[in-house]
PDB file of N, CA and C in Angstrom:
ATOM      1  N   MET A   1     -67.692  -2.445  -2.491  1.00  0.00           N
ATOM      2  CA  MET A   1     -68.199  -3.980  -2.478  1.00  0.00           C
ATOM      3  C   MET A   1     -68.781  -3.788  -4.025  1.00  0.00           C
ATOM      4  N   GLY A   2     -68.916  -5.205  -4.343  1.00  0.00           N
ATOM      5  CA  GLY A   2     -69.395  -5.422  -5.772  1.00  0.00           C
ATOM      6  C   GLY A   2     -68.218  -5.476  -6.787  1.00  0.00           C
ATOM      7  N   ASP A   3     -68.372  -4.644  -7.953  1.00  0.00           N
ATOM      8  CA  ASP A   3     -67.212  -4.875  -8.964  1.00  0.00           C
ATOM      9  C   ASP A   3     -65.721  -4.354  -8.568  1.00  0.00           C
ATOM     10  N   LYS A   4     -65.657  -3.405  -7.912  1.00  0.00           N
ATOM     11  CA  LYS A   4     -64.561  -2.919  -7.325  1.00  0.00           C
ATOM     12  C   LYS A   4     -63.930  -3.624  -6.402  1.00  0.00           C
ATOM     13  N   ASN A   5     -64.468  -4.037  -5.150  1.00  0.00           N
ATOM     14  CA  ASN A   5     -63.935  -5.061  -4.402  1.00  0.00           C
ATOM     15  C   ASN A   5     -64.735  -6.106  -3.971  1.00  0.00           C
ATOM     16  N   VAL A   6     -64.666  -6.969  -4.584  1.00  0.00           N
ATOM     17  CA  VAL A   6     -65.612  -8.392  -4.230  1.00  0.00           C
ATOM     18  C   VAL A   6     -65.427  -8.792  -2.857  1.00  0.00           C
ATOM     19  N   ALA A   7     -64.154  -9.034  -2.511  1.00  0.00           N
ATOM     20  CA  ALA A   7     -64.196  -9.374  -0.910  1.00  0.00           C
ATOM     21  C   ALA A   7     -62.606  -9.211  -0.727  1.00  0.00           C
ATOM     22  N   THR A   8     -62.351  -8.592   0.553  1.00  0.00           N
ATOM     23  CA  THR A   8     -60.901  -8.483   0.873  1.00  0.00           C
ATOM     24  C   THR A   8     -60.785  -8.780   2.408  1.00  0.00           C
ATOM     25  N   LYS A   9     -59.873  -9.383   2.422  1.00  0.00           N
ATOM     26  CA  LYS A   9     -59.637  -9.730   4.225  1.00  0.00           C
ATOM     27  C   LYS A   9     -58.740  -8.650   4.553  1.00  0.00           C
ATOM     28  N   ILE A  10     -58.985  -7.879   5.538  1.00  0.00           N
ATOM     29  CA  ILE A  10     -58.219  -6.940   6.282  1.00  0.00           C
ATOM     30  C   ILE A  10     -57.859  -7.006   7.835  1.00  0.00           C
ATOM     31  N   GLU A  11     -58.792  -7.733   8.321  1.00  0.00           N
ATOM     32  CA  GLU A  11     -58.246  -7.807   9.730  1.00  0.00           C
ATOM     33  C   GLU A  11     -58.717  -9.283  10.217  1.00  0.00           C
ATOM     34  N   VAL A  12     -57.891  -9.750  10.990  1.00  0.00           N
ATOM     35  CA  VAL A  12     -58.445 -11.244  11.686  1.00  0.00           C
ATOM     36  C   VAL A  12     -57.969 -11.127  13.177  1.00  0.00           C
ATOM     37  N   ASN A  13     -59.024 -11.361  13.892  1.00  0.00           N
ATOM     38  CA  ASN A  13     -58.845 -11.497  15.614  1.00  0.00           C
ATOM     39  C   ASN A  13     -58.277  -9.922  15.778  1.00  0.00           C
ATOM     40  N   ASN A  14     -58.431  -8.847  15.545  1.00  0.00           N
ATOM     41  CA  ASN A  14     -58.118  -7.494  15.853  1.00  0.00           C
ATOM     42  C   ASN A  14     -56.638  -7.381  15.671  1.00  0.00           C
ATOM     43  N   ARG A  15     -56.172  -8.175  14.802  1.00  0.00           N
ATOM     44  CA  ARG A  15     -54.722  -8.054  14.282  1.00  0.00           C
ATOM     45  C   ARG A  15     -54.790  -7.720  12.693  1.00  0.00           C
ATOM     46  N   LYS A  16     -54.206  -6.551  12.303  1.00  0.00           N
ATOM     47  CA  LYS A  16     -54.283  -6.180  10.748  1.00  0.00           C
ATOM     48  C   LYS A  16     -53.250  -7.397   9.995  1.00  0.00           C
ATOM     49  N   VAL A  17     -53.854  -7.522   8.980  1.00  0.00           N
ATOM     50  CA  VAL A  17     -53.214  -8.412   7.985  1.00  0.00           C
ATOM     51  C   VAL A  17     -52.296  -7.849   7.164  1.00  0.00           C
ATOM     52  N   GLU A  18     -51.059  -8.247   7.124  1.00  0.00           N
ATOM     53  CA  GLU A  18     -49.828  -7.288   6.506  1.00  0.00           C
ATOM     54  C   GLU A  18     -50.172  -7.290   5.067  1.00  0.00           C
ATOM     55  N   ASN A  19     -50.808  -8.432   4.382  1.00  0.00           N
ATOM     56  CA  ASN A  19     -50.998  -8.286   2.709  1.00  0.00           C
ATOM     57  C   ASN A  19     -52.422  -8.903   2.834  1.00  0.00           C
ATOM     58  N   PRO A  20     -53.591  -7.946   2.659  1.00  0.00           N
ATOM     59  CA  PRO A  20     -54.780  -8.305   2.689  1.00  0.00           C
ATOM     60  C   PRO A  20     -54.966  -9.202   1.264  1.00  0.00           C
ATOM     61  N   LYS A  21     -55.957  -9.854   1.138  1.00  0.00           N
ATOM     62  CA  LYS A  21     -56.241 -10.789   0.436  1.00  0.00           C
ATOM     63  C   LYS A  21     -57.574 -10.257  -0.688  1.00  0.00           C
ATOM     64  N   PHE A  22     -57.161 -10.021  -2.011  1.00  0.00           N
ATOM     65  CA  PHE A  22     -58.038  -9.389  -2.892  1.00  0.00           C
ATOM     66  C   PHE A  22     -58.443 -10.536  -3.576  1.00  0.00           C
ATOM     67  N   TYR A  23     -59.869 -11.186  -3.494  1.00  0.00           N
ATOM     68  CA  TYR A  23     -60.676 -12.281  -4.117  1.00  0.00           C
ATOM     69  C   TYR A  23     -61.323 -11.828  -5.530  1.00  0.00           C
ATOM     70  N   GLY A  24     -61.181 -10.604  -6.001  1.00  0.00           N
ATOM     71  CA  GLY A  24     -61.938 -10.229  -7.110  1.00  0.00           C
ATOM     72  C   GLY A  24     -61.222 -10.213  -8.330  1.00  0.00           C
ATOM     73  N   ARG A  25     -60.081 -10.525  -8.507  1.00  0.00           N
ATOM     74  CA  ARG A  25     -59.155 -10.620  -9.567  1.00  0.00           C
ATOM     75  C   ARG A  25     -59.510 -11.475 -10.839  1.00  0.00           C
ATOM     76  N   GLU A  26     -60.200 -12.509 -10.452  1.00  0.00           N
ATOM     77  CA  GLU A  26     -60.909 -13.779 -11.534  1.00  0.00           C
ATOM     78  C   GLU A  26     -62.099 -12.870 -11.918  1.00  0.00           C
ATOM     79  N   VAL A  27     -62.860 -12.679 -11.212  1.00  0.00           N
ATOM     80  CA  VAL A  27     -64.185 -12.078 -11.413  1.00  0.00           C
ATOM     81  C   VAL A  27     -64.318 -10.791 -12.725  1.00  0.00           C
ATOM     82  N   ARG A  28     -62.995  -9.937 -12.285  1.00  0.00           N
ATOM     83  CA  ARG A  28     -62.851  -8.748 -13.164  1.00  0.00           C
ATOM     84  C   ARG A  28     -62.215  -9.197 -14.348  1.00  0.00           C
ATOM     85  N   GLY A  29     -61.471 -10.288 -14.417  1.00  0.00           N
ATOM     86  CA  GLY A  29     -60.870 -10.798 -15.766  1.00  0.00           C
ATOM     87  C   GLY A  29     -62.393 -11.417 -16.370  1.00  0.00           C
ATOM     88  N   ILE A  30     -63.056 -12.003 -15.882  1.00  0.00           N
ATOM     89  CA  ILE A  30     -64.200 -12.752 -16.827  1.00  0.00           C
ATOM     90  C   ILE A  30     -65.015 -11.484 -17.498  1.00  0.00           C
ATOM     91  N   ARG A  31     -65.417 -10.667 -16.381  1.00  0.00           N
ATOM     92  CA  ARG A  31     -66.173  -9.472 -16.733  1.00  0.00           C
ATOM     93  C   ARG A  31     -65.571  -8.575 -17.838  1.00  0.00           C
ATOM     94  N   ARG A  32     -64.294  -8.362 -17.786  1.00  0.00           N
ATOM     95  CA  ARG A  32     -63.531  -7.645 -18.728  1.00  0.00           C
ATOM     96  C   ARG A  32     -63.290  -8.586 -20.073  1.00  0.00           C
ATOM     97  N   HIS A  33     -63.186  -9.782 -20.167  1.00  0.00           N
ATOM     98  CA  HIS A  33     -63.205 -10.631 -21.489  1.00  0.00           C
ATOM     99  C   HIS A  33     -64.601 -10.211 -22.108  1.00  0.00           C
ATOM    100  N   TYR A  34     -66.047 -10.427 -21.288  1.00  0.00           N
ATOM    101  CA  TYR A  34     -67.412 -10.625 -21.656  1.00  0.00           C
ATOM    102  C   TYR A  34     -67.439  -9.069 -22.340  1.00  0.00           C
ATOM    103  N   ASP A  35     -66.996  -7.978 -21.684  1.00  0.00           N
ATOM    104  CA  ASP A  35     -67.120  -6.666 -22.035  1.00  0.00           C
ATOM    105  C   ASP A  35     -66.653  -6.537 -23.191  1.00  0.00           C
ATOM    106  N   TRP A  36     -65.208  -7.058 -23.433  1.00  0.00           N
ATOM    107  CA  TRP A  36     -64.832  -6.796 -24.717  1.00  0.00           C
ATOM    108  C   TRP A  36     -65.193  -7.546 -25.868  1.00  0.00           C
ATOM    109  N   LEU A  37     -65.808  -8.706 -25.767  1.00  0.00           N
ATOM    110  CA  LEU A  37     -66.684  -9.652 -26.546  1.00  0.00           C
ATOM    111  C   LEU A  37     -68.036  -8.888 -26.964  1.00  0.00           C
ATOM    112  N   ARG A  38     -68.702  -8.359 -26.229  1.00  0.00           N
ATOM    113  CA  ARG A  38     -70.193  -7.671 -26.524  1.00  0.00           C
ATOM    114  C   ARG A  38     -69.650  -6.462 -27.307  1.00  0.00           C
ATOM    115  N   ARG A  39     -68.356  -5.523 -27.139  1.00  0.00           N
ATOM    116  CA  ARG A  39     -68.314  -4.629 -27.966  1.00  0.00           C
ATOM    117  C   ARG A  39     -68.071  -5.164 -29.074  1.00  0.00           C
ATOM    118  N   ARG A  40     -67.169  -6.250 -29.577  1.00  0.00           N
ATOM    119  CA  ARG A  40     -67.056  -6.694 -30.648  1.00  0.00           C
ATOM    120  C   ARG A  40     -68.130  -7.219 -31.668  1.00  0.00           C
ATOM    121  N   LEU A  41     -69.017  -7.865 -30.882  1.00  0.00           N
ATOM    122  CA  LEU A  41     -70.245  -8.373 -31.208  1.00  0.00           C
ATOM    123  C   LEU A  41     -71.297  -7.221 -31.662  1.00  0.00           C
ATOM    124  N   GLY A  42     -71.343  -6.149 -30.788  1.00  0.00           N
ATOM    125  CA  GLY A  42     -72.129  -4.995 -31.168  1.00  0.00           C
ATOM    126  C   GLY A  42     -71.876  -4.405 -32.600  1.00  0.00           C
ATOM    127  N   LYS A  43     -70.578  -4.292 -32.959  1.00  0.00           N
ATOM    128  CA  LYS A  43     -70.231  -3.817 -34.002  1.00  0.00           C
ATOM    129  C   LYS A  43     -70.639  -4.609 -35.172  1.00  0.00           C
ATOM    130  N   LYS A  44     -70.792  -5.984 -35.091  1.00  0.00           N
ATOM    131  CA  LYS A  44     -71.303  -6.713 -36.112  1.00  0.00           C
ATOM    132  C   LYS A  44     -72.978  -6.875 -36.056  1.00  0.00           C
ATOM    133  N   LYS A  45     -73.468  -6.398 -35.230  1.00  0.00           N
ATOM    134  CA  LYS A  45     -75.190  -6.590 -34.964  1.00  0.00           C
ATOM    135  C   LYS A  45     -75.517  -7.471 -34.484  1.00  0.00           C
ATOM    136  N   LEU A  46     -74.582  -8.415 -33.845  1.00  0.00           N
ATOM    137  CA  LEU A  46     -75.351  -9.881 -33.394  1.00  0.00           C
ATOM    138  C   LEU A  46     -75.750  -9.864 -32.055  1.00  0.00           C
ATOM    139  N   LEU A  47     -76.846  -9.345 -31.983  1.00  0.00           N
ATOM    140  CA  LEU A  47     -77.568  -8.931 -30.345  1.00  0.00           C
ATOM    141  C   LEU A  47     -78.067 -10.371 -30.120  1.00  0.00           C
ATOM    142  N   LYS A  48     -78.512 -11.329 -30.487  1.00  0.00           N
ATOM    143  CA  LYS A  48     -79.038 -12.484 -30.018  1.00  0.00           C
ATOM    144  C   LYS A  48     -77.720 -13.348 -29.484  1.00  0.00           C
ATOM    145  N   VAL A  49     -76.708 -13.236 -30.072  1.00  0.00           N
ATOM    146  CA  VAL A  49     -75.335 -13.824 -29.483  1.00  0.00           C
ATOM    147  C   VAL A  49     -74.820 -13.023 -28.227  1.00  0.00           C
ATOM    148  N   ILE A  50     -74.905 -11.638 -28.509  1.00  0.00           N
ATOM    149  CA  ILE A  50     -74.849 -10.806 -27.291  1.00  0.00           C
ATOM    150  C   ILE A  50     -75.581 -11.340 -25.889  1.00  0.00           C
ATOM    151  N   LYS A  51     -77.112 -11.598 -26.086  1.00  0.00           N
ATOM    152  CA  LYS A  51     -77.767 -12.329 -24.903  1.00  0.00           C
ATOM    153  C   LYS A  51     -77.346 -13.382 -24.704  1.00  0.00           C
ATOM    154  N   ARG A  52     -77.036 -14.561 -25.500  1.00  0.00           N
ATOM    155  CA  ARG A  52     -76.549 -15.579 -24.982  1.00  0.00           C
ATOM    156  C   ARG A  52     -75.133 -15.659 -24.183  1.00  0.00           C
ATOM    157  N   ILE A  53     -74.134 -14.799 -24.634  1.00  0.00           N
ATOM    158  CA  ILE A  53     -72.772 -14.810 -23.774  1.00  0.00           C
ATOM    159  C   ILE A  53     -73.392 -14.003 -22.614  1.00  0.00           C
ATOM    160  N   GLY A  54     -74.036 -13.283 -22.353  1.00  0.00           N
ATOM    161  CA  GLY A  54     -74.543 -12.671 -21.312  1.00  0.00           C
ATOM    162  C   GLY A  54     -74.844 -13.494 -20.006  1.00  0.00           C
ATOM    163  N   ARG A  55     -75.461 -14.450 -20.432  1.00  0.00           N
ATOM    164  CA  ARG A  55     -75.919 -15.939 -19.864  1.00  0.00           C
ATOM    165  C   ARG A  55     -74.866 -16.289 -19.236  1.00  0.00           C
ATOM    166  N   LYS A  56     -74.039 -16.800 -20.393  1.00  0.00           N
ATOM    167  CA  LYS A  56     -72.584 -17.569 -19.636  1.00  0.00           C
ATOM    168  C   LYS A  56     -71.769 -16.835 -18.797  1.00  0.00           C
ATOM    169  N   GLU A  57     -71.709 -15.351 -18.966  1.00  0.00           N
ATOM    170  CA  GLU A  57     -71.174 -14.635 -17.924  1.00  0.00           C
ATOM    171  C   GLU A  57     -71.709 -14.671 -16.771  1.00  0.00           C
ATOM    172  N   LYS A  58     -72.757 -14.668 -16.701  1.00  0.00           N
ATOM    173  CA  LYS A  58     -73.721 -14.725 -15.348  1.00  0.00           C
ATOM    174  C   LYS A  58     -73.289 -15.778 -14.517  1.00  0.00           C
ATOM    175  N   VAL A  59     -73.342 -16.892 -15.382  1.00  0.00           N
ATOM    176  CA  VAL A  59     -73.104 -18.280 -14.668  1.00  0.00           C
ATOM    177  C   VAL A  59     -71.718 -18.545 -14.117  1.00  0.00           C
ATOM    178  N   ARG A  60     -70.701 -17.931 -15.187  1.00  0.00           N
ATOM    179  CA  ARG A  60     -69.285 -18.271 -14.667  1.00  0.00           C
ATOM    180  C   ARG A  60     -68.831 -17.325 -13.583  1.00  0.00           C
ATOM    181  N   VAL A  61     -69.531 -15.960 -13.540  1.00  0.00           N
ATOM    182  CA  VAL A  61     -69.184 -15.019 -12.452  1.00  0.00           C
ATOM    183  C   VAL A  61     -69.789 -15.544 -11.159  1.00  0.00           C
ATOM    184  N   ASN A  62     -71.211 -16.185 -11.315  1.00  0.00           N
ATOM    185  CA  ASN A  62     -71.714 -16.605 -10.068  1.00  0.00           C
ATOM    186  C   ASN A  62     -70.897 -17.549  -9.373  1.00  0.00           C
ATOM    187  N   ASP A  63     -70.543 -18.605 -10.369  1.00  0.00           N
ATOM    188  CA  ASP A  63     -69.527 -19.765  -9.793  1.00  0.00           C
ATOM    189  C   ASP A  63     -68.419 -19.367  -9.236  1.00  0.00           C
ATOM    190  N   VAL A  64     -67.690 -18.313  -9.372  1.00  0.00           N
ATOM    191  CA  VAL A  64     -66.544 -17.810  -9.007  1.00  0.00           C
ATOM    192  C   VAL A  64     -66.812 -16.889  -7.399  1.00  0.00           C
ATOM    193  N   LEU A  65     -67.893 -16.488  -7.569  1.00  0.00           N
ATOM    194  CA  LEU A  65     -68.588 -15.790  -6.500  1.00  0.00           C
ATOM    195  C   LEU A  65     -68.859 -17.066  -5.281  1.00  0.00           C
ATOM    196  N   HIS A  66     -69.429 -17.837  -5.632  1.00  0.00           N
ATOM    197  CA  HIS A  66     -69.552 -18.852  -4.843  1.00  0.00           C
ATOM    198  C   HIS A  66     -68.287 -19.450  -4.241  1.00  0.00           C
ATOM    199  N   LYS A  67     -67.449 -19.784  -4.968  1.00  0.00           N
ATOM    200  CA  LYS A  67     -66.006 -20.274  -4.739  1.00  0.00           C
ATOM    201  C   LYS A  67     -65.323 -19.386  -3.585  1.00  0.00           C
ATOM    202  N   ILE A  68     -65.525 -18.166  -3.912  1.00  0.00           N
ATOM    203  CA  ILE A  68     -65.003 -17.237  -2.919  1.00  0.00           C
ATOM    204  C   ILE A  68     -65.466 -17.192  -1.545  1.00  0.00           C
ATOM    205  N   SER A  69     -66.807 -17.088  -1.950  1.00  0.00           N
ATOM    206  CA  SER A  69     -67.626 -17.020  -0.425  1.00  0.00           C
ATOM    207  C   SER A  69     -67.209 -18.337   0.502  1.00  0.00           C
ATOM    208  N   LYS A  70     -67.471 -19.630  -0.361  1.00  0.00           N
ATOM    209  CA  LYS A  70     -67.172 -20.734   0.275  1.00  0.00           C
ATOM    210  C   LYS A  70     -65.773 -20.556   1.073  1.00  0.00           C
ATOM    211  N   GLU A  71     -64.501 -20.343   0.341  1.00  0.00           N
ATOM    212  CA  GLU A  71     -63.320 -20.182   0.877  1.00  0.00           C
ATOM    213  C   GLU A  71     -63.321 -19.119   2.116  1.00  0.00           C
ATOM    214  N   ILE A  72     -63.930 -17.775   1.962  1.00  0.00           N
ATOM    215  CA  ILE A  72     -64.068 -16.958   3.111  1.00  0.00           C
ATOM    216  C   ILE A  72     -64.542 -17.611   4.291  1.00  0.00           C
ATOM    217  N   VAL A  73     -65.793 -18.396   4.186  1.00  0.00           N
ATOM    218  CA  VAL A  73     -66.284 -19.005   5.334  1.00  0.00           C
ATOM    219  C   VAL A  73     -65.392 -20.204   5.857  1.00  0.00           C
ATOM    220  N   GLU A  74     -64.891 -20.959   4.988  1.00  0.00           N
ATOM    221  CA  GLU A  74     -63.778 -21.915   5.555  1.00  0.00           C
ATOM    222  C   GLU A  74     -62.792 -21.522   6.540  1.00  0.00           C
ATOM    223  N   ARG A  75     -62.003 -20.257   5.747  1.00  0.00           N
ATOM    224  CA  ARG A  75     -61.134 -19.745   6.639  1.00  0.00           C
ATOM    225  C   ARG A  75     -61.354 -19.215   7.940  1.00  0.00           C
ATOM    226  N   ALA A  76     -62.651 -18.523   7.877  1.00  0.00           N
ATOM    227  CA  ALA A  76     -63.320 -17.836   9.219  1.00  0.00           C
ATOM    228  C   ALA A  76     -63.480 -18.934  10.357  1.00  0.00           C
ATOM    229  N   LYS A  77     -64.103 -20.373   9.457  1.00  0.00           N
ATOM    230  CA  LYS A  77     -64.164 -21.312  10.671  1.00  0.00           C
ATOM    231  C   LYS A  77     -62.900 -21.880  11.167  1.00  0.00           C
ATOM    232  N   GLU A  78     -61.948 -22.000  10.381  1.00  0.00           N
ATOM    233  CA  GLU A  78     -60.402 -22.397  11.028  1.00  0.00           C
ATOM    234  C   GLU A  78     -59.766 -21.383  11.954  1.00  0.00           C
ATOM    235  N   THR A  79     -60.008 -20.213  11.648  1.00  0.00           N
ATOM    236  CA  THR A  79     -59.484 -19.271  12.702  1.00  0.00           C
ATOM    237  C   THR A  79     -60.542 -18.808  13.649  1.00  0.00           C
ATOM    238  N   ASN A  80     -61.616 -19.345  13.790  1.00  0.00           N
ATOM    239  CA  ASN A  80     -62.729 -18.759  14.770  1.00  0.00           C
ATOM    240  C   ASN A  80     -63.203 -17.311  14.415  1.00  0.00           C
ATOM    241  N   ALA A  81     -62.989 -16.825  13.152  1.00  0.00           N
ATOM    242  CA  ALA A  81     -63.178 -15.345  13.072  1.00  0.00           C
ATOM    243  C   ALA A  81     -64.531 -14.995  12.942  1.00  0.00           C
ATOM    244  N   ILE A  82     -64.757 -13.754  12.655  1.00  0.00           N
ATOM    245  CA  ILE A  82     -66.167 -13.073  12.556  1.00  0.00           C
ATOM    246  C   ILE A  82     -66.269 -12.442  11.133  1.00  0.00           C
ATOM    247  N   ILE A  83     -67.064 -12.587  10.214  1.00  0.00           N
ATOM    248  CA  ILE A  83     -67.230 -12.384   8.987  1.00  0.00           C
ATOM    249  C   ILE A  83     -68.072 -10.970   8.952  1.00  0.00           C
ATOM    250  N   ALA A  84     -67.430  -9.740   8.520  1.00  0.00           N
ATOM    251  CA  ALA A  84     -68.442  -8.458   8.363  1.00  0.00           C
ATOM    252  C   ALA A  84     -68.593  -8.454   6.976  1.00  0.00           C
ATOM    253  N   ILE A  85     -69.731  -8.042   6.654  1.00  0.00           N
ATOM    254  CA  ILE A  85     -70.289  -7.352   5.344  1.00  0.00           C
ATOM    255  C   ILE A  85     -70.456  -6.195   5.170  1.00  0.00           C
ATOM    256  N   GLY A  86     -69.833  -5.415   4.360  1.00  0.00           N
ATOM    257  CA  GLY A  86     -70.519  -3.978   4.078  1.00  0.00           C
ATOM    258  C   GLY A  86     -69.189  -3.054   4.613  1.00  0.00           C
ATOM    259  N   TYR A  87     -69.580  -1.771   4.747  1.00  0.00           N
ATOM    260  CA  TYR A  87     -68.556  -0.847   4.860  1.00  0.00           C
ATOM    261  C   TYR A  87     -68.649  -0.701   6.448  1.00  0.00           C
ATOM    262  N   PRO A  88     -67.570  -0.928   7.407  1.00  0.00           N
ATOM    263  CA  PRO A  88     -67.703  -0.479   8.529  1.00  0.00           C
ATOM    264  C   PRO A  88     -67.698   0.831   8.860  1.00  0.00           C
ATOM    265  N   LYS A  89     -68.757   1.082   9.927  1.00  0.00           N
ATOM    266  CA  LYS A  89     -68.976   2.502  10.023  1.00  0.00           C
ATOM    267  C   LYS A  89     -67.734   3.240  11.107  1.00  0.00           C
ATOM    268  N   GLY A  90     -67.655   4.353  10.689  1.00  0.00           N
ATOM    269  CA  GLY A  90     -66.377   5.204  11.788  1.00  0.00           C
ATOM    270  C   GLY A  90     -64.952   4.829  10.992  1.00  0.00           C
ATOM    271  N   ILE A  91     -65.001   4.060   9.919  1.00  0.00           N
ATOM    272  CA  ILE A  91     -63.673   3.834   9.394  1.00  0.00           C
ATOM    273  C   ILE A  91     -63.028   5.237   8.698  1.00  0.00           C
ATOM    274  N   ARG A  92     -63.720   6.173   8.467  1.00  0.00           N
ATOM    275  CA  ARG A  92     -63.384   7.319   7.970  1.00  0.00           C
ATOM    276  C   ARG A  92     -63.932   8.436   8.803  1.00  0.00           C
ATOM    277  N   ASN A  93     -63.020   9.183   9.708  1.00  0.00           N
ATOM    278  CA  ASN A  93     -63.760  10.521  10.091  1.00  0.00           C
ATOM    279  C   ASN A  93     -64.264  11.631   9.003  1.00  0.00           C
ATOM    280  N   LYS A  94     -65.320  11.407   8.847  1.00  0.00           N
ATOM    281  CA  LYS A  94     -66.039  12.347   7.819  1.00  0.00           C
ATOM    282  C   LYS A  94     -66.591  13.665   8.504  1.00  0.00           C
ATOM    283  N   LYS A  95     -66.301  14.877   8.147  1.00  0.00           N
ATOM    284  CA  LYS A  95     -66.924  15.844   8.858  1.00  0.00           C
ATOM    285  C   LYS A  95     -67.970  16.139   7.714  1.00  0.00           C
ATOM    286  N   LYS A  96     -69.054  16.550   8.368  1.00  0.00           N
ATOM    287  CA  LYS A  96     -70.223  17.195   7.679  1.00  0.00           C
ATOM    288  C   LYS A  96     -70.075  18.446   7.071  1.00  0.00           C
ATOM    289  N   ARG A  97     -70.323  18.915   5.919  1.00  0.00           N
ATOM    290  CA  ARG A  97     -70.110  19.906   5.387  1.00  0.00           C
ATOM    291  C   ARG A  97     -71.399  20.498   5.286  1.00  0.00           C
ATOM    292  N   LYS A  98     -71.349  21.949   5.502  1.00  0.00           N
ATOM    293  CA  LYS A  98     -72.569  22.669   5.457  1.00  0.00           C
ATOM    294  C   LYS A  98     -72.565  23.344   4.055  1.00  0.00           C
ATOM    295  N   SER A  99     -73.694  23.359   3.259  1.00  0.00           N
ATOM    296  CA  SER A  99     -73.888  23.837   1.897  1.00  0.00           C
ATOM    297  C   SER A  99     -74.169  25.386   1.897  1.00  0.00           C
ATOM    298  N   ALA A 100     -73.486  26.012   1.066  1.00  0.00           N
ATOM    299  CA  ALA A 100     -73.700  27.455   1.315  1.00  0.00           C
ATOM    300  C   ALA A 100     -74.973  27.895   0.807  1.00  0.00           C
TER     301      ALA A 100
END
């Protein structure tokens, strides 16, 4: 969750979705752009500008995240689906390793 996978749709009504939808591409693009911009401005020692663009980045990312969550909720309402947040337990059968 978070940066790596903002939101993905994997299963609907106990049926696997053939092509899961990844919603984070736009967020990653925004963050990548502002990271590039911060590095470029940092070389020029423009720290006030870096703070200002950081606020703009936050607003843009929050807007995109709001739109993503709204779309997920709308699709869930249309298909009468349940929304699960987080990592499902038991998705991987992890064996506990004993430390030597």
